[in-house]
């Protein structure tokens, strides 16, 4: 049964490391959540390790720079594992061919195609080409995050007929940037799969990003799975992914699903929470309104 808690400190002494989601947990896409930052700083001062595990399509260094702008200090975490790095490694190992058609924001996602030391010795040369020339699709997000994913249906029909695989750099369907809900790469990959195409996923809830997170953690401490807690607001990503890896999970109710638990996100209705989790057929170890 899921334990409803008021503070991370109620259960944090059971764990030596945290795998912490970012968007909706530590920041809202605009600014940091001060209570979440303070909770992570306190946990680290007690000797715990914090790995930020995010479905961002960006390399970890780009995420670290972004966090500075949001007001997340470096003493709130030890390492970062991104869906982008997991997906980039697969791309440079030829998962969708060497000639790829990219869907995403050129300004923000161009770093996705930067060289990667992790696979430098084995990397194939990746060339971005037109859809007609492509051997595979790389989706880091929609070009317009407010547009319905259905705008890609015609391109996806063509790609499916060619038998192209789609590499999804961010399995999230939506995120909330401040008060605005935006589409993510996962929505496009979901549409492509629905149309009969093959989508490859590397972020939560899929195993590759957890393998990367464990490797990042192993560089700073040896921690068994029994002593890792996954934290996040995505029931189908953070919670499902953590449970699938056999890890304990802490569900943030005040994030994407906040409206399901009553009118006050700070005080989720325990009865509605229990019913909703039963409908999801998932039982996180614990739940909290916001990370604090």
Protein backbone atom coordinates (compact mmCIF):
# COMPACT_ATOMS: atom_id res chain seq x y z
CA UNK A 1 0.00 0.00 0.00
CA UNK A 2 1.27 3.46 -0.92
CA UNK A 3 2.33 5.57 2.08
CA UNK A 4 1.24 9.23 1.87
CA UNK A 5 4.01 11.37 3.38
CA UNK A 6 4.52 15.08 4.05
CA UNK A 7 8.32 15.29 3.77
CA UNK A 8 11.11 13.36 2.03
CA UNK A 9 12.86 13.13 5.39
CA UNK A 10 10.18 10.70 6.59
CA UNK A 11 11.61 7.95 4.39
CA UNK A 12 14.96 9.22 3.04
CA UNK A 13 17.04 7.47 5.71
CA UNK A 14 16.09 4.14 4.10
CA UNK A 15 18.02 5.02 0.94
CA UNK A 16 21.61 5.74 -0.04
CA UNK A 17 20.73 7.29 -3.42
CA UNK A 18 17.86 9.02 -5.19
CA UNK A 19 17.00 8.92 -8.91
CA UNK A 20 15.13 12.23 -9.20
CA UNK A 21 12.99 13.46 -12.08
CA UNK A 22 13.42 17.12 -13.02
CA UNK A 23 10.46 18.67 -14.82
CA UNK A 24 7.46 18.79 -12.46
CA UNK A 25 9.59 17.67 -9.54
CA UNK A 26 12.59 20.00 -9.17
CA UNK A 27 11.49 22.75 -11.60
CA UNK A 28 8.48 23.72 -13.73
CA UNK A 29 10.33 24.49 -16.95
CA UNK A 30 10.77 28.11 -15.88
CA UNK A 31 12.07 28.19 -12.32
CA UNK A 32 13.23 25.86 -9.55
CA UNK A 33 10.98 24.65 -6.74
CA UNK A 34 12.78 26.00 -3.69
CA UNK A 35 11.45 23.34 -1.30
CA UNK A 36 12.55 20.54 -3.63
CA UNK A 37 16.03 22.04 -3.93
CA UNK A 38 16.30 22.37 -0.15
CA UNK A 39 15.18 18.75 0.35
CA UNK A 40 17.86 17.47 -2.03
CA UNK A 41 20.55 19.65 -0.44
CA UNK A 42 19.62 18.32 3.01
CA UNK A 43 19.66 14.74 1.75
CA UNK A 44 23.12 15.16 0.25
CA UNK A 45 24.45 16.75 3.44
CA UNK A 46 23.40 13.56 5.24
CA UNK A 47 25.60 11.54 2.86
CA UNK A 48 23.02 10.54 0.27
CA UNK A 49 23.71 10.66 -3.47
CA UNK A 50 21.39 12.33 -5.98
CA UNK A 51 21.27 11.41 -9.67
CA UNK A 52 18.92 13.57 -11.71
CA UNK A 53 17.22 11.22 -14.19
CA UNK A 54 15.42 13.18 -16.87
CA UNK A 55 13.65 12.52 -20.15
CA UNK A 56 15.22 15.65 -21.58
CA UNK A 57 16.49 15.04 -25.12
CA UNK A 58 19.58 17.12 -24.34
CA UNK A 59 23.06 15.89 -23.31
CA UNK A 60 23.65 16.09 -19.55
CA UNK A 61 25.99 19.08 -19.80
CA UNK A 62 23.31 21.09 -21.61
CA UNK A 63 20.79 20.15 -18.91
CA UNK A 64 23.26 21.26 -16.22
CA UNK A 65 23.55 24.66 -17.94
CA UNK A 66 19.76 24.90 -18.16
CA UNK A 67 19.43 24.15 -14.44
CA UNK A 68 21.65 27.12 -13.62
CA UNK A 69 19.18 29.35 -15.44
CA UNK A 70 16.28 27.84 -13.50
CA UNK A 71 18.02 28.46 -10.18
CA UNK A 72 18.92 24.87 -9.30
CA UNK A 73 22.32 24.97 -7.54
CA UNK A 74 24.97 22.35 -8.23
CA UNK A 75 25.03 21.25 -4.59
CA UNK A 76 21.53 19.80 -5.01
CA UNK A 77 22.77 16.84 -7.07
CA UNK A 78 25.77 14.64 -7.86
CA UNK A 79 25.18 13.53 -11.46
CA UNK A 80 22.72 13.74 -14.36
CA UNK A 81 21.44 10.98 -16.66
CA UNK A 82 19.36 12.09 -19.65
CA UNK A 83 17.18 10.32 -22.16
CA UNK A 84 19.04 12.37 -24.73
CA UNK A 85 22.37 10.78 -23.87
CA UNK A 86 20.86 7.27 -23.97
CA UNK A 87 19.28 8.00 -27.34
CA UNK A 88 22.41 9.70 -28.71
CA UNK A 89 24.54 6.68 -27.85
CA UNK A 90 22.12 4.42 -29.74
CA UNK A 91 22.02 6.80 -32.70
CA UNK A 92 25.81 6.93 -32.97
CA UNK A 93 25.89 3.15 -32.86
CA UNK A 94 23.66 3.10 -35.95
CA UNK A 95 20.26 2.25 -34.41
CA UNK A 96 18.39 4.12 -37.17
CA UNK A 97 21.07 4.28 -39.87
CA UNK A 98 23.57 6.96 -40.75
CA UNK A 99 21.28 9.27 -42.73
CA UNK A 100 18.55 10.62 -40.47
CA UNK A 101 15.60 12.96 -40.76
CA UNK A 102 15.39 15.13 -37.65
CA UNK A 103 12.17 16.45 -36.13
CA UNK A 104 12.71 18.96 -33.34
CA UNK A 105 13.63 22.51 -32.52
CA UNK A 106 16.84 23.34 -34.44
CA UNK A 107 17.77 26.06 -31.97
CA UNK A 108 17.46 23.94 -28.81
CA UNK A 109 18.14 20.42 -30.05
CA UNK A 110 21.15 20.90 -32.34
CA UNK A 111 23.33 19.80 -29.39
CA UNK A 112 21.78 16.36 -29.79
CA UNK A 113 24.03 15.84 -32.82
CA UNK A 114 27.26 16.95 -31.14
CA UNK A 115 30.06 14.34 -30.96
CA UNK A 116 29.80 11.90 -28.06
CA UNK A 117 32.84 10.59 -26.19
CA UNK A 118 30.93 7.59 -24.86
CA UNK A 119 30.89 5.91 -28.28
CA UNK A 120 33.68 7.78 -30.04
CA UNK A 121 35.58 4.66 -31.12
CA UNK A 122 32.50 2.95 -32.55
CA UNK A 123 30.46 5.89 -33.80
CA UNK A 124 28.99 5.95 -37.26
CA UNK A 125 28.95 9.24 -39.12
CA UNK A 126 25.49 10.75 -38.80
CA UNK A 127 24.17 13.02 -41.57
CA UNK A 128 20.92 14.95 -41.31
CA UNK A 129 19.02 14.67 -44.58
CA UNK A 130 15.55 15.18 -46.05
CA UNK A 131 12.79 12.69 -45.30
CA UNK A 132 13.07 11.32 -48.82
CA UNK A 133 16.78 10.48 -48.32
CA UNK A 134 16.51 9.23 -44.74
CA UNK A 135 17.31 5.78 -43.39
CA UNK A 136 15.63 6.59 -40.08
CA UNK A 137 13.88 9.27 -38.04
CA UNK A 138 15.26 11.09 -34.99
CA UNK A 139 12.64 12.91 -32.90
CA UNK A 140 13.80 15.20 -30.12
CA UNK A 141 10.43 16.97 -29.92
CA UNK A 142 7.87 18.69 -32.13
CA UNK A 143 8.98 21.76 -34.03
CA UNK A 144 6.02 23.58 -32.44
CA UNK A 145 5.30 22.22 -28.98
CA UNK A 146 1.78 23.68 -29.03
CA UNK A 147 0.72 22.09 -32.34
CA UNK A 148 -1.25 18.83 -32.44
CA UNK A 149 1.10 15.88 -33.18
CA UNK A 150 -1.31 14.89 -35.94
CA UNK A 151 0.39 17.48 -38.19
CA UNK A 152 3.11 14.84 -38.71
CA UNK A 153 0.70 12.16 -39.93
CA UNK A 154 1.51 12.58 -43.63
CA UNK A 155 5.28 12.43 -43.04
CA UNK A 156 4.86 9.44 -40.75
CA UNK A 157 2.76 7.59 -43.31
CA UNK A 158 5.55 8.06 -45.86
CA UNK A 159 8.20 6.99 -43.33
CA UNK A 160 6.21 3.92 -42.31
CA UNK A 161 5.82 2.86 -45.94
CA UNK A 162 9.62 3.10 -46.29
CA UNK A 163 10.03 0.97 -43.17
CA UNK A 164 11.95 3.65 -41.25
CA UNK A 165 12.54 3.28 -37.51
CA UNK A 166 11.90 6.28 -35.27
CA UNK A 167 14.36 7.07 -32.47
CA UNK A 168 12.52 8.90 -29.68
CA UNK A 169 14.80 11.04 -27.52
CA UNK A 170 12.10 11.88 -24.95
CA UNK A 171 9.27 9.42 -24.15
CA UNK A 172 7.25 12.08 -22.28
CA UNK A 173 3.89 12.82 -23.89
CA UNK A 174 3.41 16.28 -22.35
CA UNK A 175 5.09 18.60 -19.85
CA UNK A 176 3.88 21.72 -18.07
CA UNK A 177 6.05 24.76 -18.70
CA UNK A 178 4.82 27.04 -15.94
CA UNK A 179 1.05 27.06 -16.53
CA UNK A 180 1.28 25.93 -20.17
CA UNK A 181 1.04 22.29 -21.23
CA UNK A 182 3.27 21.35 -24.17
CA UNK A 183 3.65 18.29 -26.39
CA UNK A 184 6.87 16.25 -26.24
CA UNK A 185 8.62 13.74 -28.50
CA UNK A 186 6.76 10.83 -26.90
CA UNK A 187 3.49 12.07 -28.38
CA UNK A 188 4.99 11.90 -31.88
CA UNK A 189 6.51 8.48 -31.29
CA UNK A 190 3.16 7.27 -29.94
CA UNK A 191 1.42 8.45 -33.10
CA UNK A 192 4.01 6.73 -35.30
CA UNK A 193 3.58 3.47 -33.38
CA UNK A 194 -0.21 3.80 -33.58
CA UNK A 195 0.14 4.14 -37.36
CA UNK A 196 2.12 0.90 -37.54
CA UNK A 197 5.65 2.31 -37.48
CA UNK A 198 8.45 1.16 -35.16
CA UNK A 199 9.54 3.55 -32.41
CA UNK A 200 12.65 3.07 -30.27
CA UNK A 201 12.59 4.55 -26.75
CA UNK A 202 15.53 5.30 -24.43
CA UNK A 203 14.11 7.36 -21.57
CA UNK A 204 11.82 6.51 -18.67
CA UNK A 205 10.07 4.07 -18.31
CA UNK A 206 12.42 2.11 -20.59
CA UNK A 207 15.56 0.29 -19.34
CA UNK A 208 18.38 2.19 -21.19
CA UNK A 209 18.15 5.34 -19.07
CA UNK A 210 18.20 3.34 -15.83
CA UNK A 211 21.32 1.55 -17.01
CA UNK A 212 22.89 4.96 -17.67
CA UNK A 213 21.74 6.29 -14.27
CA UNK A 214 23.26 3.30 -12.48
CA UNK A 215 26.54 3.79 -14.33
CA UNK A 216 26.61 7.49 -13.42
CA UNK A 217 25.89 6.56 -9.78
CA UNK A 218 28.59 3.86 -9.77
CA UNK A 219 31.21 6.50 -10.56
CA UNK A 220 30.54 8.20 -7.23
CA UNK A 221 29.29 5.40 -4.94
CA UNK A 222 28.47 1.71 -4.86
CA UNK A 223 24.75 1.46 -4.09
CA UNK A 224 22.53 -1.61 -4.36
CA UNK A 225 19.10 -1.41 -5.96
CA UNK A 226 17.48 -1.96 -2.56
CA UNK A 227 18.88 1.39 -1.46
CA UNK A 228 17.73 3.51 -4.44
CA UNK A 229 14.52 5.57 -4.44
CA UNK A 230 13.04 6.89 -7.72
CA UNK A 231 11.15 10.19 -7.44
CA UNK A 232 8.89 11.82 -10.03
CA UNK A 233 5.43 13.03 -11.06
CA UNK A 234 5.00 10.81 -14.14
CA UNK A 235 2.98 7.73 -13.24
CA UNK A 236 3.69 6.13 -16.63
CA UNK A 237 7.35 7.16 -16.72
CA UNK A 238 8.91 7.76 -13.30
CA UNK A 239 6.79 5.32 -11.30
CA UNK A 240 6.27 2.64 -13.94
CA UNK A 241 9.93 2.80 -14.92
CA UNK A 242 11.22 2.61 -11.37
CA UNK A 243 8.91 -0.26 -10.47
CA UNK A 244 9.90 -2.07 -13.66
CA UNK A 245 13.52 -1.89 -12.52
CA UNK A 246 12.63 -3.30 -9.10
CA UNK A 247 13.29 0.05 -7.38
CA UNK A 248 11.23 1.84 -4.73
CA UNK A 249 9.31 4.89 -5.97
CA UNK A 250 8.01 8.19 -4.59
CA UNK A 251 5.12 9.65 -6.61
CA UNK A 252 4.74 13.46 -6.74
CA UNK A 253 0.96 14.00 -6.81
CA UNK A 254 1.12 17.76 -7.43
CA UNK A 255 2.60 17.41 -10.92
CA UNK A 256 1.02 16.19 -14.16
CA UNK A 257 -1.85 14.37 -12.44
CA UNK A 258 -2.60 17.00 -9.76
CA UNK A 259 -6.21 17.55 -10.86
CA UNK A 260 -7.02 13.90 -10.17
CA UNK A 261 -6.66 14.30 -6.40
CA UNK A 262 -8.82 17.30 -5.56
CA UNK A 263 -8.80 21.07 -5.92
CA UNK A 264 -5.79 21.70 -3.65
CA UNK A 265 -2.54 20.26 -5.10
CA UNK A 266 -0.81 20.71 -1.74
CA UNK A 267 -3.30 18.40 -0.04
CA UNK A 268 -4.20 15.41 -2.25
CA UNK A 269 -7.34 13.52 -1.25
CA UNK A 270 -6.10 10.14 0.07
CA UNK A 271 -9.25 8.32 -1.09
CA UNK A 272 -9.05 9.71 -4.63
CA UNK A 273 -5.32 8.95 -4.72
CA UNK A 274 -5.91 5.33 -3.68
CA UNK A 275 -8.66 4.89 -6.28
CA UNK A 276 -6.62 6.49 -9.06
CA UNK A 277 -3.54 4.39 -8.36
CA UNK A 278 -5.73 1.28 -8.42
CA UNK A 279 -6.99 2.33 -11.86
CA UNK A 280 -3.39 2.72 -13.03
CA UNK A 281 -2.62 -0.73 -11.61
CA UNK A 282 0.49 0.74 -10.01
CA UNK A 283 1.45 1.01 -6.36
CA UNK A 284 4.38 3.37 -5.67
CA UNK A 285 6.16 2.93 -2.36
CA UNK A 286 5.10 6.40 -1.21
CA UNK A 287 3.41 9.58 -2.44
CA UNK A 288 3.85 13.25 -1.59
CA UNK A 289 2.18 16.40 -2.89
CA UNK A 290 5.44 18.15 -3.79
CA UNK A 291 9.07 17.23 -3.16
CA UNK A 292 10.07 18.91 0.07
